[in-house]
Amino acid sequence: MSGNRKGLISSVIAIVMVCMLSGCGAPAGLPKGPIAVNTYEVTAEEVTLQDEYSGMVIAAEKVPIRANVSGRIVEKYVQGGQNVRAGQPLFRLDKRDQENALAVAKAEAARAKAVLANQALNYHRYQQLSKQHAVSTQMVTDQESLMRQQEAVVQAQETRVRAAQDTLADTVIYAPFTGVLGVDDVPVGTYVTAGNTPVVTISSTDPVLVSFSLGEEAYLQWAKGNMNHSTWGQALRLRLSDGSIYPENGRVVQVNHSMEGSAGSVLIKASFANPHHILIPGLYGTVIASQPVRQKVLLVPQRAVQQTLGKYFISVVDASNKVHTKEVQPGKKYGAYWIIRSGIKAGDIIVVDGFQKMKGVDLSFHRLTKADIDKKTVSIGEMKEG
């Protein structure tokens, strides 16, 4: 009997030891106390919203330069990629044919003037003879007609001289405006055909245009007057690919009033001063347009929004400290926050961190302030003093 009792006591002691060693007091892996999560009270704040659009720098003017006359290039004054001024000579064509044509035109004009001088002399002589009744009035009239005809011939020859002079001048090709040349310049010896062969491309550099697209929804807001037509797009900023803000403001100068592409967008061009030639065609950036009127919106920290299968959710704490998941419709991002259009209201308490640890456990809520959110360094469960 005593032996059985000793064996039972030994068994109980063994079981207790095993439980102590294996932690039988609580389910494995579960915390012994409430899990700390950070929360935030949703606020409605007046903010100046910014619209951002992907844009690309293009030249305000870009044209291929062509010669007005045909000929072979015999002299080149510039190189591709060079900055040039309006009216600066770029190329010279062989001008011998044009010089010969001008010489012929001048000779024909001189001959016509000599004939005119003789016709005028005859006309005046016939006038004197008519006064003496030595010739008939008809002869005087005929001679005057010949003189007037020759005057017209002289005018025509002088026009041909001016045309030949212009053609000779066209053997030098000039920059049509101030800008930068492309690297598609042709070499000396190239034969160019008038109005056909491009010799180089020139692009203006100051100002430049930035092309971007306005989405269908944004366009409708603009068209309905939700964006102030007189001020929107008049103080645009440009964020470059390195994150820096371009120092010059821009303004909208062209709006294409038709939708483009399957996505439905309106092409817009904004002009930016470019005195230091920082902006070059093909450079990408982000156009930033601030809306002129401050709007009251709901702001929630971006990290409080969870996305699943294209839908957005926020965990809301009710009056009983129970957490419920609500679907929301987010709008634009605003700094570290997301603007929420619907699904929650001002004053709601939402969970910011610790979503993965909330199921099946008690929670301890720690309220964060806007300053905490803006710090972006608050750890889960950290609470600001005071």
Protein backbone atom coordinates (compact mmCIF):
# COMPACT_ATOMS: atom_id res chain seq x y z
CA MET A 1 0.00 0.00 0.00
CA SER A 2 2.73 2.40 1.02
CA GLY A 3 4.69 1.37 -2.09
CA ASN A 4 1.78 2.32 -4.37
CA ARG A 5 1.45 5.69 -2.62
CA LYS A 6 5.14 6.41 -3.11
CA GLY A 7 4.84 5.51 -6.79
CA LEU A 8 1.85 7.84 -7.28
CA ILE A 9 3.68 10.72 -5.58
CA SER A 10 6.72 10.15 -7.80
CA SER A 11 4.52 10.23 -10.93
CA VAL A 12 2.86 13.51 -9.92
CA ILE A 13 6.25 15.11 -9.24
CA ALA A 14 7.50 13.96 -12.64
CA ILE A 15 4.46 15.42 -14.41
CA VAL A 16 4.87 18.75 -12.62
CA MET A 17 8.55 18.92 -13.58
CA VAL A 18 7.74 18.21 -17.21
CA CYS A 19 5.09 20.93 -17.25
CA MET A 20 7.47 23.41 -15.70
CA LEU A 21 10.16 22.62 -18.21
CA SER A 22 7.81 22.71 -21.21
CA GLY A 23 5.81 25.80 -20.15
CA CYS A 24 2.41 24.16 -19.74
CA GLY A 25 0.95 27.28 -18.12
CA ALA A 26 -0.05 28.92 -21.49
CA PRO A 27 -0.40 27.97 -25.15
CA ALA A 28 2.95 28.01 -26.92
CA GLY A 29 3.75 31.16 -28.88
CA LEU A 30 1.05 33.43 -27.32
CA PRO A 31 2.07 36.52 -25.36
CA LYS A 32 1.30 36.73 -21.69
CA GLY A 33 -0.09 40.30 -21.89
CA PRO A 34 -1.93 42.66 -24.30
CA ILE A 35 -0.25 43.46 -27.63
CA ALA A 36 0.61 47.14 -28.10
CA VAL A 37 -0.58 48.80 -31.32
CA ASN A 38 -0.40 52.42 -32.38
CA THR A 39 -3.61 54.30 -33.19
CA TYR A 40 -4.43 57.67 -34.68
CA GLU A 41 -7.49 59.90 -34.59
CA VAL A 42 -8.72 60.79 -38.06
CA THR A 43 -8.88 64.55 -38.57
CA ALA A 44 -10.42 66.80 -41.20
CA GLU A 45 -7.91 69.45 -42.18
CA GLU A 46 -7.80 72.29 -44.66
CA VAL A 47 -4.97 71.70 -47.09
CA THR A 48 -3.75 73.06 -50.38
CA LEU A 49 -3.84 70.08 -52.67
CA GLN A 50 -1.23 69.43 -55.31
CA ASP A 51 -1.76 67.66 -58.58
CA GLU A 52 1.24 65.84 -60.00
CA TYR A 53 1.69 64.74 -63.60
CA SER A 54 4.51 62.95 -65.37
CA GLY A 55 5.94 65.24 -68.02
CA MET A 56 8.66 65.43 -70.65
CA VAL A 57 10.67 68.42 -71.82
CA ILE A 58 10.28 69.31 -75.49
CA ALA A 59 11.61 72.20 -77.53
CA ALA A 60 9.24 75.10 -78.06
CA GLU A 61 10.54 75.25 -81.63
CA LYS A 62 12.28 72.46 -83.48
CA VAL A 63 12.75 72.48 -87.24
CA PRO A 64 15.02 70.86 -89.80
CA ILE A 65 16.92 73.56 -91.68
CA ARG A 66 16.83 73.28 -95.47
CA ALA A 67 18.49 75.33 -98.18
CA ASN A 68 16.44 77.62 -100.43
CA VAL A 69 18.68 76.80 -103.40
CA SER A 70 20.33 73.66 -104.69
CA GLY A 71 24.07 73.23 -104.58
CA ARG A 72 27.04 71.57 -102.96
CA ILE A 73 28.17 72.60 -99.48
CA VAL A 74 31.65 74.08 -99.74
CA GLU A 75 32.00 75.68 -96.32
CA LYS A 76 30.71 74.87 -92.84
CA TYR A 77 30.82 77.45 -90.05
CA VAL A 78 29.42 75.36 -87.16
CA GLN A 79 29.40 71.88 -85.65
CA GLY A 80 26.51 69.75 -84.43
CA GLY A 81 25.46 70.39 -80.84
CA GLN A 82 26.61 74.01 -80.96
CA ASN A 83 24.57 76.92 -79.59
CA VAL A 84 23.83 79.50 -82.27
CA ARG A 85 22.20 82.92 -82.51
CA ALA A 86 19.38 83.94 -84.80
CA GLY A 87 20.86 84.99 -88.15
CA GLN A 88 24.21 83.28 -87.57
CA PRO A 89 25.66 81.73 -90.78
CA LEU A 90 25.81 77.92 -90.67
CA PHE A 91 26.76 76.66 -94.16
CA ARG A 92 27.75 78.08 -97.55
CA LEU A 93 26.93 76.49 -100.87
CA ASP A 94 28.88 76.74 -104.12
CA LYS A 95 27.71 80.12 -105.47
CA ARG A 96 29.26 80.23 -108.94
CA ASP A 97 26.01 79.49 -110.77
CA GLN A 98 24.17 82.15 -108.79
CA GLU A 99 26.92 84.71 -109.41
CA ASN A 100 26.71 84.04 -113.16
CA ALA A 101 22.92 84.33 -113.09
CA LEU A 102 23.19 87.67 -111.30
CA ALA A 103 25.69 88.97 -113.84
CA VAL A 104 23.37 88.02 -116.72
CA ALA A 105 20.40 89.66 -114.99
CA LYS A 106 22.37 92.87 -114.46
CA ALA A 107 23.45 92.91 -118.11
CA GLU A 108 19.87 92.44 -119.31
CA ALA A 109 18.75 95.24 -117.02
CA ALA A 110 21.46 97.56 -118.35
CA ARG A 111 20.46 96.77 -121.93
CA ALA A 112 16.79 97.47 -121.15
CA LYS A 113 17.70 100.79 -119.57
CA ALA A 114 19.73 101.78 -122.64
CA VAL A 115 16.80 101.00 -124.92
CA LEU A 116 14.52 102.98 -122.62
CA ALA A 117 16.84 105.96 -122.75
CA ASN A 118 16.73 105.88 -126.57
CA GLN A 119 12.93 105.52 -126.58
CA ALA A 120 12.61 108.46 -124.21
CA LEU A 121 14.90 110.58 -126.42
CA ASN A 122 12.82 109.76 -129.51
CA TYR A 123 9.62 110.57 -127.66
CA HIS A 124 10.84 114.02 -126.65
CA ARG A 125 12.14 114.68 -130.19
CA TYR A 126 8.76 113.71 -131.68
CA GLN A 127 7.04 116.05 -129.26
CA GLN A 128 9.14 118.96 -130.56
CA LEU A 129 8.50 118.01 -134.19
CA SER A 130 4.79 117.77 -133.51
CA LYS A 131 4.77 121.34 -132.29
CA GLN A 132 6.29 122.31 -135.64
CA HIS A 133 3.69 120.17 -137.43
CA ALA A 134 6.55 118.10 -138.87
CA VAL A 135 5.09 114.81 -137.62
CA SER A 136 1.58 113.71 -136.91
CA THR A 137 0.08 113.41 -133.46
CA GLN A 138 -0.32 109.66 -134.03
CA MET A 139 3.43 109.24 -134.39
CA VAL A 140 3.94 111.00 -131.05
CA THR A 141 1.39 108.71 -129.42
CA ASP A 142 3.03 105.61 -130.89
CA GLN A 143 6.45 106.68 -129.66
CA GLU A 144 5.09 107.32 -126.16
CA SER A 145 3.60 103.84 -126.15
CA LEU A 146 6.95 102.32 -127.09
CA MET A 147 8.64 104.23 -124.27
CA ARG A 148 6.06 103.07 -121.70
CA GLN A 149 6.49 99.49 -122.83
CA GLN A 150 10.23 99.77 -122.41
CA GLU A 151 9.77 101.19 -118.91
CA ALA A 152 7.89 97.99 -118.03
CA VAL A 153 10.72 95.94 -119.49
CA VAL A 154 13.21 97.79 -117.30
CA GLN A 155 11.09 97.13 -114.19
CA ALA A 156 10.94 93.44 -115.05
CA GLN A 157 14.71 93.26 -115.53
CA GLU A 158 15.31 95.04 -112.23
CA THR A 159 13.04 92.49 -110.52
CA ARG A 160 15.11 89.70 -112.05
CA VAL A 161 18.26 91.34 -110.69
CA ARG A 162 16.79 91.45 -107.17
CA ALA A 163 15.70 87.81 -107.47
CA ALA A 164 19.21 86.83 -108.59
CA GLN A 165 20.67 88.74 -105.64
CA ASP A 166 18.34 86.91 -103.26
CA THR A 167 19.30 83.58 -104.80
CA LEU A 168 22.97 84.41 -104.38
CA ALA A 169 22.34 85.38 -100.74
CA ASP A 170 20.55 82.05 -100.22
CA THR A 171 23.79 80.19 -100.88
CA VAL A 172 24.59 81.01 -97.25
CA ILE A 173 22.31 79.15 -94.81
CA TYR A 174 21.50 81.03 -91.60
CA ALA A 175 20.02 80.02 -88.22
CA PRO A 176 16.32 80.96 -88.24
CA PHE A 177 16.25 81.53 -84.47
CA THR A 178 18.48 81.29 -81.40
CA GLY A 179 18.90 77.72 -80.19
CA VAL A 180 21.06 74.63 -80.27
CA LEU A 181 21.92 72.53 -83.31
CA GLY A 182 21.33 68.81 -83.46
CA VAL A 183 24.10 66.35 -84.21
CA ASP A 184 22.55 65.49 -87.58
CA ASP A 185 24.59 68.14 -89.42
CA VAL A 186 25.74 67.14 -92.91
CA PRO A 187 29.43 67.32 -93.92
CA VAL A 188 31.13 69.58 -96.44
CA GLY A 189 30.69 68.21 -99.96
CA THR A 190 27.06 67.19 -99.49
CA TYR A 191 24.82 68.15 -102.41
CA VAL A 192 21.56 69.59 -101.16
CA THR A 193 18.34 70.07 -103.09
CA ALA A 194 16.39 73.26 -102.54
CA GLY A 195 13.62 72.81 -99.97
CA ASN A 196 14.27 69.08 -99.65
CA THR A 197 17.57 68.14 -98.04
CA PRO A 198 17.86 68.90 -94.28
CA VAL A 199 21.34 70.15 -93.41
CA VAL A 200 20.85 70.25 -89.61
CA THR A 201 18.06 70.41 -87.02
CA ILE A 202 17.76 73.38 -84.70
CA SER A 203 15.84 73.51 -81.41
CA SER A 204 15.05 76.53 -79.27
CA THR A 205 16.39 76.40 -75.71
CA ASP A 206 14.77 79.26 -73.81
CA PRO A 207 11.96 78.89 -73.02
CA VAL A 208 11.20 75.18 -73.30
CA LEU A 209 7.90 73.31 -73.09
CA VAL A 210 6.99 70.48 -70.75
CA SER A 211 4.32 68.19 -72.15
CA PHE A 212 2.02 66.31 -69.76
CA SER A 213 -1.46 64.78 -69.77
CA LEU A 214 -4.49 65.67 -67.69
CA GLY A 215 -6.62 62.63 -66.85
CA GLU A 216 -10.30 62.47 -67.67
CA GLU A 217 -11.44 62.99 -64.07
CA ALA A 218 -9.14 65.96 -63.54
CA TYR A 219 -10.19 67.44 -66.87
CA LEU A 220 -13.87 67.19 -65.92
CA GLN A 221 -13.15 68.97 -62.62
CA TRP A 222 -11.37 71.70 -64.53
CA ALA A 223 -14.12 71.96 -67.16
CA LYS A 224 -16.86 72.14 -64.50
CA GLY A 225 -15.05 74.93 -62.69
CA ASN A 226 -13.84 72.99 -59.66
CA MET A 227 -10.39 74.21 -60.61
CA ASN A 228 -10.10 77.97 -61.04
CA HIS A 229 -9.55 78.45 -64.79
CA SER A 230 -7.84 81.81 -64.36
CA THR A 231 -5.21 80.65 -61.85
CA TRP A 232 -4.77 76.90 -62.30
CA GLY A 233 -1.63 76.17 -64.27
CA GLN A 234 -0.16 79.65 -63.91
CA ALA A 235 2.46 78.78 -61.26
CA LEU A 236 3.56 75.26 -62.09
CA ARG A 237 6.63 73.70 -60.53
CA LEU A 238 8.80 70.97 -61.96
CA ARG A 239 10.43 68.20 -59.93
CA LEU A 240 13.40 66.71 -61.77
CA SER A 241 14.40 63.05 -61.79
CA ASP A 242 16.97 63.61 -59.03
CA GLY A 243 14.24 64.91 -56.72
CA SER A 244 15.25 68.57 -56.94
CA ILE A 245 12.74 71.32 -57.74
CA TYR A 246 13.54 73.35 -60.85
CA PRO A 247 14.02 77.01 -59.79
CA GLU A 248 11.78 78.55 -62.46
CA ASN A 249 7.97 78.38 -62.37
CA GLY A 250 6.04 77.50 -65.49
CA ARG A 251 2.61 78.24 -66.94
CA VAL A 252 0.21 76.43 -69.23
CA VAL A 253 0.36 77.77 -72.78
CA GLN A 254 -1.39 75.06 -74.82
CA VAL A 255 -4.37 72.78 -74.11
CA ASN A 256 -5.53 70.19 -76.61
CA HIS A 257 -9.32 70.13 -76.35
CA SER A 258 -9.73 66.50 -77.35
CA MET A 259 -9.12 63.22 -75.55
CA GLU A 260 -6.15 61.14 -76.64
CA GLY A 261 -5.51 57.42 -76.32
CA SER A 262 -7.56 54.64 -74.78
CA ALA A 263 -6.90 55.96 -71.26
CA GLY A 264 -8.62 59.25 -72.09
CA SER A 265 -6.32 62.18 -71.40
CA VAL A 266 -5.89 65.77 -72.54
CA LEU A 267 -2.44 66.86 -73.73
CA ILE A 268 -1.16 70.04 -72.08
CA LYS A 269 2.02 72.02 -72.69
CA ALA A 270 3.56 74.35 -70.13
CA SER A 271 6.30 76.90 -70.76
CA PHE A 272 9.34 77.14 -68.46
CA ALA A 273 12.12 79.71 -68.68
CA ASN A 274 15.46 78.00 -69.26
CA PRO A 275 18.16 80.69 -69.04
CA HIS A 276 20.91 78.27 -67.98
CA HIS A 277 19.91 75.52 -70.44
CA ILE A 278 19.39 72.98 -67.64
CA LEU A 279 16.29 71.57 -69.31
CA ILE A 280 16.92 69.69 -72.55
CA PRO A 281 14.44 67.90 -74.83
CA GLY A 282 13.67 64.35 -73.70
CA LEU A 283 14.27 65.07 -70.01
CA TYR A 284 11.56 63.64 -67.74
CA GLY A 285 10.11 65.30 -64.67
CA THR A 286 6.98 65.71 -62.57
CA VAL A 287 4.79 68.77 -63.08
CA ILE A 288 3.31 70.02 -59.78
CA ALA A 289 0.17 72.16 -59.86
CA SER A 290 -1.19 73.56 -56.61
CA GLN A 291 -4.93 74.10 -56.52
CA PRO A 292 -5.78 77.73 -55.67
CA VAL A 293 -8.43 76.94 -53.00
CA ARG A 294 -7.73 75.17 -49.71
CA GLN A 295 -10.01 72.16 -49.18
CA LYS A 296 -11.09 70.31 -46.02
CA VAL A 297 -10.22 66.63 -46.36
CA LEU A 298 -9.80 63.52 -44.19
CA LEU A 299 -6.15 62.65 -43.67
CA VAL A 300 -4.90 59.25 -42.49
CA PRO A 301 -1.30 58.00 -42.31
CA GLN A 302 -0.36 56.08 -45.42
CA ARG A 303 0.82 53.10 -43.38
CA ALA A 304 -2.68 52.76 -41.84
CA VAL A 305 -4.14 51.82 -45.23
CA GLN A 306 -4.01 48.16 -46.23
CA GLN A 307 -4.48 47.07 -49.84
CA THR A 308 -5.89 43.69 -50.83
CA LEU A 309 -6.92 42.62 -54.34
CA GLY A 310 -7.26 46.19 -55.53
CA LYS A 311 -9.34 47.29 -52.54
CA TYR A 312 -8.31 49.46 -49.61
CA PHE A 313 -9.07 48.83 -45.94
CA ILE A 314 -8.55 50.58 -42.59
CA SER A 315 -8.82 49.00 -39.13
CA VAL A 316 -11.12 51.11 -36.93
CA VAL A 317 -11.34 50.87 -33.12
CA ASP A 318 -14.91 51.23 -31.79
CA ALA A 319 -16.10 52.54 -28.42
CA SER A 320 -15.68 49.07 -26.89
CA ASN A 321 -12.06 48.88 -28.03
CA LYS A 322 -13.01 46.31 -30.64
CA VAL A 323 -11.25 46.47 -34.01
CA HIS A 324 -13.32 46.40 -37.21
CA THR A 325 -12.04 46.50 -40.77
CA LYS A 326 -13.71 49.01 -43.08
CA GLU A 327 -13.31 49.41 -46.82
CA VAL A 328 -12.39 52.96 -47.84
CA GLN A 329 -11.95 54.93 -51.02
CA PRO A 330 -8.59 56.74 -51.02
CA GLY A 331 -7.89 59.85 -53.04
CA LYS A 332 -4.53 61.51 -53.53
CA LYS A 333 -1.48 61.15 -51.34
CA TYR A 334 -0.54 64.19 -49.29
CA GLY A 335 2.91 63.94 -47.75
CA ALA A 336 2.90 61.04 -45.27
CA TYR A 337 -0.89 60.86 -45.46
CA TRP A 338 -3.59 59.59 -47.73
CA ILE A 339 -6.75 61.58 -48.41
CA ILE A 340 -9.77 59.34 -47.76
CA ARG A 341 -12.91 60.09 -49.74
CA SER A 342 -15.33 57.71 -48.00
CA GLY A 343 -15.54 54.81 -45.55
CA ILE A 344 -14.53 56.60 -42.35
CA LYS A 345 -15.24 59.94 -40.69
CA ALA A 346 -13.43 62.55 -38.65
CA GLY A 347 -12.94 61.43 -35.06
CA ASP A 348 -12.61 57.73 -35.89
CA ILE A 349 -9.74 55.96 -34.13
CA ILE A 350 -7.75 53.84 -36.57
CA VAL A 351 -4.92 51.36 -36.17
CA VAL A 352 -1.63 52.53 -37.67
CA ASP A 353 0.77 49.65 -36.90
CA GLY A 354 0.73 46.04 -35.77
CA PHE A 355 -2.01 44.60 -38.00
CA GLN A 356 -0.41 41.16 -38.19
CA LYS A 357 -0.49 40.71 -34.40
CA MET A 358 -4.10 41.73 -33.69
CA LYS A 359 -5.98 38.46 -34.27
CA GLY A 360 -7.12 36.52 -31.23
CA VAL A 361 -5.25 38.55 -28.62
CA ASP A 362 -5.90 41.40 -26.22
CA LEU A 363 -4.72 44.78 -27.45
CA SER A 364 -3.20 47.81 -25.80
CA PHE A 365 -3.80 51.03 -27.74
CA HIS A 366 -1.31 53.89 -27.83
CA ARG A 367 -2.43 57.12 -29.49
CA LEU A 368 -0.03 58.84 -31.89
CA THR A 369 -0.05 62.53 -32.72
CA LYS A 370 0.44 64.19 -36.08
CA ALA A 371 3.99 65.03 -35.03
CA ASP A 372 4.62 61.33 -34.41
CA ILE A 373 3.34 60.44 -37.87
CA ASP A 374 5.44 63.14 -39.50
CA LYS A 375 8.55 61.81 -37.69
CA LYS A 376 8.15 58.44 -39.46
CA THR A 377 10.29 56.83 -36.73
CA VAL A 378 7.68 55.82 -34.14
CA SER A 379 7.97 52.16 -33.17
CA ILE A 380 4.98 49.96 -32.47
CA GLY A 381 3.60 50.71 -29.03
CA GLU A 382 5.57 53.93 -28.55
CA MET A 383 3.55 56.70 -26.95
CA LYS A 384 4.50 60.33 -26.77
CA GLU A 385 5.00 61.72 -23.25
CA GLY A 386 2.32 64.03 -21.90
